[in-house]
């Protein structure tokens, strides 16, 4: 996974249960959570547009459900 030059940091907000899952998965894979997120972003951005749209719809639907449960 080439970085194509300098990287710019970003900040994202995650529901607590997603952060726990991210940390658990990163631990199982022996990588930092930030590396797992960076890899995931690269993976999504390399997909054809239709596959990206399907993945985005899935994530947005899950986020909406998560926020409804937290409200």
PDB file of N, CA and C in Angstrom:
ATOM      1  N   UNK A   1       0.854  -1.171   0.000  1.00  0.00           N
ATOM      2  CA  UNK A   1       0.000   0.000   0.000  1.00  0.00           C
ATOM      3  C   UNK A   1       0.896   1.229   0.000  1.00  0.00           C
ATOM      4  N   UNK A   2       1.048   1.864  -1.154  1.00  0.00           N
ATOM      5  CA  UNK A   2       1.867   3.058  -1.229  1.00  0.00           C
ATOM      6  C   UNK A   2       1.111   4.261  -0.713  1.00  0.00           C
ATOM      7  N   UNK A   3       1.843   5.185  -0.092  1.00  0.00           N
ATOM      8  CA  UNK A   3       1.138   6.333   0.465  1.00  0.00           C
ATOM      9  C   UNK A   3       1.116   7.507  -0.487  1.00  0.00           C
ATOM     10  N   UNK A   4       1.871   7.454  -1.601  1.00  0.00           N
ATOM     11  CA  UNK A   4       1.801   8.517  -2.579  1.00  0.00           C
ATOM     12  C   UNK A   4       2.305   9.854  -2.067  1.00  0.00           C
ATOM     13  N   UNK A   5       3.122   9.879  -1.047  1.00  0.00           N
ATOM     14  CA  UNK A   5       3.647  11.132  -0.522  1.00  0.00           C
ATOM     15  C   UNK A   5       3.245  11.351   0.920  1.00  0.00           C
ATOM     16  N   UNK A   6       3.273  12.625   1.305  1.00  0.00           N
ATOM     17  CA  UNK A   6       2.939  12.986   2.680  1.00  0.00           C
ATOM     18  C   UNK A   6       1.488  12.650   2.996  1.00  0.00           C
ATOM     19  N   UNK A   7       1.237  12.276   4.230  1.00  0.00           N
ATOM     20  CA  UNK A   7      -0.125  11.964   4.671  1.00  0.00           C
ATOM     21  C   UNK A   7      -0.656  13.103   5.522  1.00  0.00           C
ATOM     22  N   UNK A   8      -1.954  13.319   5.421  1.00  0.00           N
ATOM     23  CA  UNK A   8      -2.635  14.334   6.206  1.00  0.00           C
ATOM     24  C   UNK A   8      -3.501  13.637   7.238  1.00  0.00           C
ATOM     25  N   UNK A   9      -3.360  13.964   8.508  1.00  0.00           N
ATOM     26  CA  UNK A   9      -4.186  13.320   9.533  1.00  0.00           C
ATOM     27  C   UNK A   9      -5.635  13.804   9.461  1.00  0.00           C
ATOM     28  N   UNK A  10      -6.550  12.905   9.805  1.00  0.00           N
ATOM     29  CA  UNK A  10      -7.963  13.256   9.922  1.00  0.00           C
ATOM     30  C   UNK A  10      -8.475  12.711  11.249  1.00  0.00           C
ATOM     31  N   UNK A  11      -9.613  13.213  11.675  1.00  0.00           N
ATOM     32  CA  UNK A  11     -10.251  12.740  12.900  1.00  0.00           C
ATOM     33  C   UNK A  11     -11.640  12.242  12.542  1.00  0.00           C
ATOM     34  N   UNK A  12     -12.010  11.074  13.062  1.00  0.00           N
ATOM     35  CA  UNK A  12     -13.351  10.535  12.846  1.00  0.00           C
ATOM     36  C   UNK A  12     -13.977  10.220  14.195  1.00  0.00           C
ATOM     37  N   UNK A  13     -15.292  10.225  14.220  1.00  0.00           N
ATOM     38  CA  UNK A  13     -16.028   9.846  15.426  1.00  0.00           C
ATOM     39  C   UNK A  13     -16.640   8.471  15.193  1.00  0.00           C
ATOM     40  N   UNK A  14     -16.489   7.601  16.177  1.00  0.00           N
ATOM     41  CA  UNK A  14     -17.055   6.259  16.099  1.00  0.00           C
ATOM     42  C   UNK A  14     -17.877   5.995  17.343  1.00  0.00           C
ATOM     43  N   UNK A  15     -18.989   5.270  17.187  1.00  0.00           N
ATOM     44  CA  UNK A  15     -19.711   4.832  18.386  1.00  0.00           C
ATOM     45  C   UNK A  15     -18.782   3.914  19.192  1.00  0.00           C
ATOM     46  N   UNK A  16     -18.962   3.892  20.482  1.00  0.00           N
ATOM     47  CA  UNK A  16     -18.088   3.119  21.379  1.00  0.00           C
ATOM     48  C   UNK A  16     -17.999   1.653  20.954  1.00  0.00           C
ATOM     49  N   UNK A  17     -19.122   1.042  20.566  1.00  0.00           N
ATOM     50  CA  UNK A  17     -19.079  -0.382  20.205  1.00  0.00           C
ATOM     51  C   UNK A  17     -18.239  -0.618  18.954  1.00  0.00           C
ATOM     52  N   UNK A  18     -18.218   0.338  18.024  1.00  0.00           N
ATOM     53  CA  UNK A  18     -17.387   0.215  16.826  1.00  0.00           C
ATOM     54  C   UNK A  18     -15.908   0.389  17.164  1.00  0.00           C
ATOM     55  N   UNK A  19     -15.602   1.298  18.065  1.00  0.00           N
ATOM     56  CA  UNK A  19     -14.223   1.501  18.483  1.00  0.00           C
ATOM     57  C   UNK A  19     -13.686   0.247  19.173  1.00  0.00           C
ATOM     58  N   UNK A  20     -14.515  -0.363  20.005  1.00  0.00           N
ATOM     59  CA  UNK A  20     -14.106  -1.615  20.660  1.00  0.00           C
ATOM     60  C   UNK A  20     -13.830  -2.704  19.630  1.00  0.00           C
ATOM     61  N   UNK A  21     -14.717  -2.815  18.645  1.00  0.00           N
ATOM     62  CA  UNK A  21     -14.532  -3.829  17.601  1.00  0.00           C
ATOM     63  C   UNK A  21     -13.274  -3.546  16.782  1.00  0.00           C
ATOM     64  N   UNK A  22     -13.032  -2.283  16.465  1.00  0.00           N
ATOM     65  CA  UNK A  22     -11.824  -1.899  15.736  1.00  0.00           C
ATOM     66  C   UNK A  22     -10.581  -2.296  16.520  1.00  0.00           C
ATOM     67  N   UNK A  23     -10.555  -1.978  17.802  1.00  0.00           N
ATOM     68  CA  UNK A  23      -9.404  -2.320  18.633  1.00  0.00           C
ATOM     69  C   UNK A  23      -9.210  -3.825  18.757  1.00  0.00           C
ATOM     70  N   UNK A  24     -10.304  -4.569  18.887  1.00  0.00           N
ATOM     71  CA  UNK A  24     -10.211  -6.027  18.969  1.00  0.00           C
ATOM     72  C   UNK A  24      -9.643  -6.607  17.679  1.00  0.00           C
ATOM     73  N   UNK A  25     -10.143  -6.126  16.545  1.00  0.00           N
ATOM     74  CA  UNK A  25      -9.679  -6.629  15.257  1.00  0.00           C
ATOM     75  C   UNK A  25      -8.206  -6.275  15.038  1.00  0.00           C
ATOM     76  N   UNK A  26      -7.828  -5.059  15.377  1.00  0.00           N
ATOM     77  CA  UNK A  26      -6.435  -4.640  15.225  1.00  0.00           C
ATOM     78  C   UNK A  26      -5.518  -5.509  16.093  1.00  0.00           C
ATOM     79  N   UNK A  27      -5.944  -5.815  17.303  1.00  0.00           N
ATOM     80  CA  UNK A  27      -5.160  -6.673  18.186  1.00  0.00           C
ATOM     81  C   UNK A  27      -4.995  -8.059  17.587  1.00  0.00           C
ATOM     82  N   UNK A  28      -6.090  -8.635  17.082  1.00  0.00           N
ATOM     83  CA  UNK A  28      -6.023  -9.967  16.457  1.00  0.00           C
ATOM     84  C   UNK A  28      -5.078  -9.985  15.267  1.00  0.00           C
ATOM     85  N   UNK A  29      -5.043  -8.882  14.497  1.00  0.00           N
ATOM     86  CA  UNK A  29      -4.197  -8.811  13.308  1.00  0.00           C
ATOM     87  C   UNK A  29      -2.797  -8.282  13.610  1.00  0.00           C
ATOM     88  N   UNK A  30      -2.548  -7.946  14.871  1.00  0.00           N
ATOM     89  CA  UNK A  30      -1.249  -7.412  15.311  1.00  0.00           C
ATOM     90  C   UNK A  30      -0.846  -6.145  14.559  1.00  0.00           C
ATOM     91  N   UNK A  31      -1.807  -5.243  14.407  1.00  0.00           N
ATOM     92  CA  UNK A  31      -1.547  -3.943  13.780  1.00  0.00           C
ATOM     93  C   UNK A  31      -2.165  -2.852  14.646  1.00  0.00           C
ATOM     94  N   UNK A  32      -1.716  -1.637  14.439  1.00  0.00           N
ATOM     95  CA  UNK A  32      -2.316  -0.502  15.148  1.00  0.00           C
ATOM     96  C   UNK A  32      -3.701  -0.234  14.569  1.00  0.00           C
ATOM     97  N   UNK A  33      -4.653   0.221  15.392  1.00  0.00           N
ATOM     98  CA  UNK A  33      -5.983   0.551  14.874  1.00  0.00           C
ATOM     99  C   UNK A  33      -5.914   1.543  13.714  1.00  0.00           C
ATOM    100  N   UNK A  34      -4.999   2.506  13.803  1.00  0.00           N
ATOM    101  CA  UNK A  34      -4.861   3.501  12.728  1.00  0.00           C
ATOM    102  C   UNK A  34      -4.451   2.844  11.412  1.00  0.00           C
ATOM    103  N   UNK A  35      -3.585   1.843  11.483  1.00  0.00           N
ATOM    104  CA  UNK A  35      -3.156   1.141  10.276  1.00  0.00           C
ATOM    105  C   UNK A  35      -4.320   0.362   9.669  1.00  0.00           C
ATOM    106  N   UNK A  36      -5.142  -0.228  10.520  1.00  0.00           N
ATOM    107  CA  UNK A  36      -6.304  -0.975  10.032  1.00  0.00           C
ATOM    108  C   UNK A  36      -7.296  -0.035   9.347  1.00  0.00           C
ATOM    109  N   UNK A  37      -7.529   1.114   9.928  1.00  0.00           N
ATOM    110  CA  UNK A  37      -8.429   2.096   9.308  1.00  0.00           C
ATOM    111  C   UNK A  37      -7.844   2.581   7.979  1.00  0.00           C
ATOM    112  N   UNK A  38      -6.552   2.890   7.978  1.00  0.00           N
ATOM    113  CA  UNK A  38      -5.903   3.369   6.748  1.00  0.00           C
ATOM    114  C   UNK A  38      -6.019   2.312   5.649  1.00  0.00           C
ATOM    115  N   UNK A  39      -5.767   1.047   5.982  1.00  0.00           N
ATOM    116  CA  UNK A  39      -5.903  -0.043   5.016  1.00  0.00           C
ATOM    117  C   UNK A  39      -7.334  -0.134   4.504  1.00  0.00           C
ATOM    118  N   UNK A  40      -8.298  -0.009   5.420  1.00  0.00           N
ATOM    119  CA  UNK A  40      -9.704  -0.099   5.036  1.00  0.00           C
ATOM    120  C   UNK A  40     -10.094   1.016   4.071  1.00  0.00           C
ATOM    121  N   UNK A  41      -9.600   2.215   4.324  1.00  0.00           N
ATOM    122  CA  UNK A  41      -9.882   3.342   3.425  1.00  0.00           C
ATOM    123  C   UNK A  41      -9.279   3.054   2.056  1.00  0.00           C
ATOM    124  N   UNK A  42      -8.044   2.587   2.018  1.00  0.00           N
ATOM    125  CA  UNK A  42      -7.403   2.250   0.740  1.00  0.00           C
ATOM    126  C   UNK A  42      -8.201   1.182  -0.001  1.00  0.00           C
ATOM    127  N   UNK A  43      -8.680   0.193   0.737  1.00  0.00           N
ATOM    128  CA  UNK A  43      -9.462  -0.887   0.135  1.00  0.00           C
ATOM    129  C   UNK A  43     -10.748  -0.352  -0.497  1.00  0.00           C
ATOM    130  N   UNK A  44     -11.463   0.489   0.227  1.00  0.00           N
ATOM    131  CA  UNK A  44     -12.714   1.055  -0.288  1.00  0.00           C
ATOM    132  C   UNK A  44     -12.448   1.938  -1.502  1.00  0.00           C
ATOM    133  N   UNK A  45     -11.410   2.752  -1.439  1.00  0.00           N
ATOM    134  CA  UNK A  45     -11.124   3.673  -2.533  1.00  0.00           C
ATOM    135  C   UNK A  45     -10.637   2.966  -3.788  1.00  0.00           C
ATOM    136  N   UNK A  46     -10.151   1.750  -3.658  1.00  0.00           N
ATOM    137  CA  UNK A  46      -9.680   1.018  -4.827  1.00  0.00           C
ATOM    138  C   UNK A  46     -10.786   0.193  -5.497  1.00  0.00           C
ATOM    139  N   UNK A  47     -11.959   0.145  -4.891  1.00  0.00           N
ATOM    140  CA  UNK A  47     -13.078  -0.619  -5.448  1.00  0.00           C
ATOM    141  C   UNK A  47     -13.724   0.126  -6.612  1.00  0.00           C
ATOM    142  N   UNK A  48     -14.364  -0.622  -7.514  1.00  0.00           N
ATOM    143  CA  UNK A  48     -15.175   0.040  -8.545  1.00  0.00           C
ATOM    144  C   UNK A  48     -16.292   0.853  -7.881  1.00  0.00           C
ATOM    145  N   UNK A  49     -16.781   1.854  -8.569  1.00  0.00           N
ATOM    146  CA  UNK A  49     -17.749   2.786  -7.972  1.00  0.00           C
ATOM    147  C   UNK A  49     -19.006   2.088  -7.451  1.00  0.00           C
ATOM    148  N   UNK A  50     -19.546   1.118  -8.167  1.00  0.00           N
ATOM    149  CA  UNK A  50     -20.769   0.446  -7.716  1.00  0.00           C
ATOM    150  C   UNK A  50     -20.532  -0.312  -6.420  1.00  0.00           C
ATOM    151  N   UNK A  51     -19.401  -0.993  -6.312  1.00  0.00           N
ATOM    152  CA  UNK A  51     -19.086  -1.722  -5.081  1.00  0.00           C
ATOM    153  C   UNK A  51     -18.914  -0.730  -3.932  1.00  0.00           C
ATOM    154  N   UNK A  52     -18.297   0.420  -4.216  1.00  0.00           N
ATOM    155  CA  UNK A  52     -18.149   1.445  -3.188  1.00  0.00           C
ATOM    156  C   UNK A  52     -19.510   1.940  -2.732  1.00  0.00           C
ATOM    157  N   UNK A  53     -20.407   2.169  -3.687  1.00  0.00           N
ATOM    158  CA  UNK A  53     -21.750   2.644  -3.348  1.00  0.00           C
ATOM    159  C   UNK A  53     -22.471   1.655  -2.440  1.00  0.00           C
ATOM    160  N   UNK A  54     -22.352   0.369  -2.750  1.00  0.00           N
ATOM    161  CA  UNK A  54     -22.987  -0.656  -1.928  1.00  0.00           C
ATOM    162  C   UNK A  54     -22.390  -0.680  -0.525  1.00  0.00           C
ATOM    163  N   UNK A  55     -21.071  -0.584  -0.428  1.00  0.00           N
ATOM    164  CA  UNK A  55     -20.412  -0.574   0.881  1.00  0.00           C
ATOM    165  C   UNK A  55     -20.817   0.670   1.665  1.00  0.00           C
ATOM    166  N   UNK A  56     -20.868   1.821   1.009  1.00  0.00           N
ATOM    167  CA  UNK A  56     -21.243   3.064   1.684  1.00  0.00           C
ATOM    168  C   UNK A  56     -22.685   2.990   2.176  1.00  0.00           C
ATOM    169  N   UNK A  57     -23.585   2.468   1.360  1.00  0.00           N
ATOM    170  CA  UNK A  57     -24.983   2.331   1.776  1.00  0.00           C
ATOM    171  C   UNK A  57     -25.085   1.442   3.016  1.00  0.00           C
ATOM    172  N   UNK A  58     -24.320   0.354   3.036  1.00  0.00           N
ATOM    173  CA  UNK A  58     -24.321  -0.563   4.179  1.00  0.00           C
ATOM    174  C   UNK A  58     -23.837   0.143   5.442  1.00  0.00           C
ATOM    175  N   UNK A  59     -22.719   0.858   5.334  1.00  0.00           N
ATOM    176  CA  UNK A  59     -22.159   1.552   6.495  1.00  0.00           C
ATOM    177  C   UNK A  59     -23.119   2.626   6.991  1.00  0.00           C
ATOM    178  N   UNK A  60     -23.673   3.408   6.080  1.00  0.00           N
ATOM    179  CA  UNK A  60     -24.589   4.474   6.477  1.00  0.00           C
ATOM    180  C   UNK A  60     -25.844   3.917   7.143  1.00  0.00           C
ATOM    181  N   UNK A  61     -26.356   2.806   6.639  1.00  0.00           N
ATOM    182  CA  UNK A  61     -27.532   2.179   7.249  1.00  0.00           C
ATOM    183  C   UNK A  61     -27.195   1.686   8.656  1.00  0.00           C
ATOM    184  N   UNK A  62     -26.027   1.094   8.831  1.00  0.00           N
ATOM    185  CA  UNK A  62     -25.616   0.619  10.158  1.00  0.00           C
ATOM    186  C   UNK A  62     -25.387   1.773  11.110  1.00  0.00           C
ATOM    187  N   UNK A  63     -24.788   2.866  10.626  1.00  0.00           N
ATOM    188  CA  UNK A  63     -24.583   4.038  11.469  1.00  0.00           C
ATOM    189  C   UNK A  63     -25.918   4.619  11.914  1.00  0.00           C
ATOM    190  N   UNK A  64     -26.873   4.713  10.997  1.00  0.00           N
ATOM    191  CA  UNK A  64     -28.184   5.254  11.343  1.00  0.00           C
ATOM    192  C   UNK A  64     -28.831   4.408  12.428  1.00  0.00           C
ATOM    193  N   UNK A  65     -28.733   3.092  12.294  1.00  0.00           N
ATOM    194  CA  UNK A  65     -29.302   2.193  13.302  1.00  0.00           C
ATOM    195  C   UNK A  65     -28.588   2.370  14.638  1.00  0.00           C
ATOM    196  N   UNK A  66     -27.262   2.489  14.608  1.00  0.00           N
ATOM    197  CA  UNK A  66     -26.488   2.676  15.835  1.00  0.00           C
ATOM    198  C   UNK A  66     -26.906   3.964  16.542  1.00  0.00           C
ATOM    199  N   UNK A  67     -27.033   5.040  15.782  1.00  0.00           N
ATOM    200  CA  UNK A  67     -27.402   6.312  16.386  1.00  0.00           C
ATOM    201  C   UNK A  67     -28.833   6.280  16.934  1.00  0.00           C
ATOM    202  N   UNK A  68     -29.724   5.549  16.267  1.00  0.00           N
ATOM    203  CA  UNK A  68     -31.100   5.402  16.777  1.00  0.00           C
ATOM    204  C   UNK A  68     -31.086   4.688  18.134  1.00  0.00           C
ATOM    205  N   UNK A  69     -30.245   3.627  18.234  1.00  0.00           N
ATOM    206  CA  UNK A  69     -30.173   2.886  19.493  1.00  0.00           C
ATOM    207  C   UNK A  69     -29.568   3.721  20.615  1.00  0.00           C
ATOM    208  N   UNK A  70     -28.637   4.605  20.274  1.00  0.00           N
ATOM    209  CA  UNK A  70     -27.992   5.418  21.283  1.00  0.00           C
ATOM    210  C   UNK A  70     -28.862   6.579  21.743  1.00  0.00           C
ATOM    211  N   UNK A  71     -29.825   6.975  20.919  1.00  0.00           N
ATOM    212  CA  UNK A  71     -30.663   8.142  21.250  1.00  0.00           C
ATOM    213  C   UNK A  71     -31.619   7.856  22.390  1.00  0.00           C
TER     214      UNK A  71
END
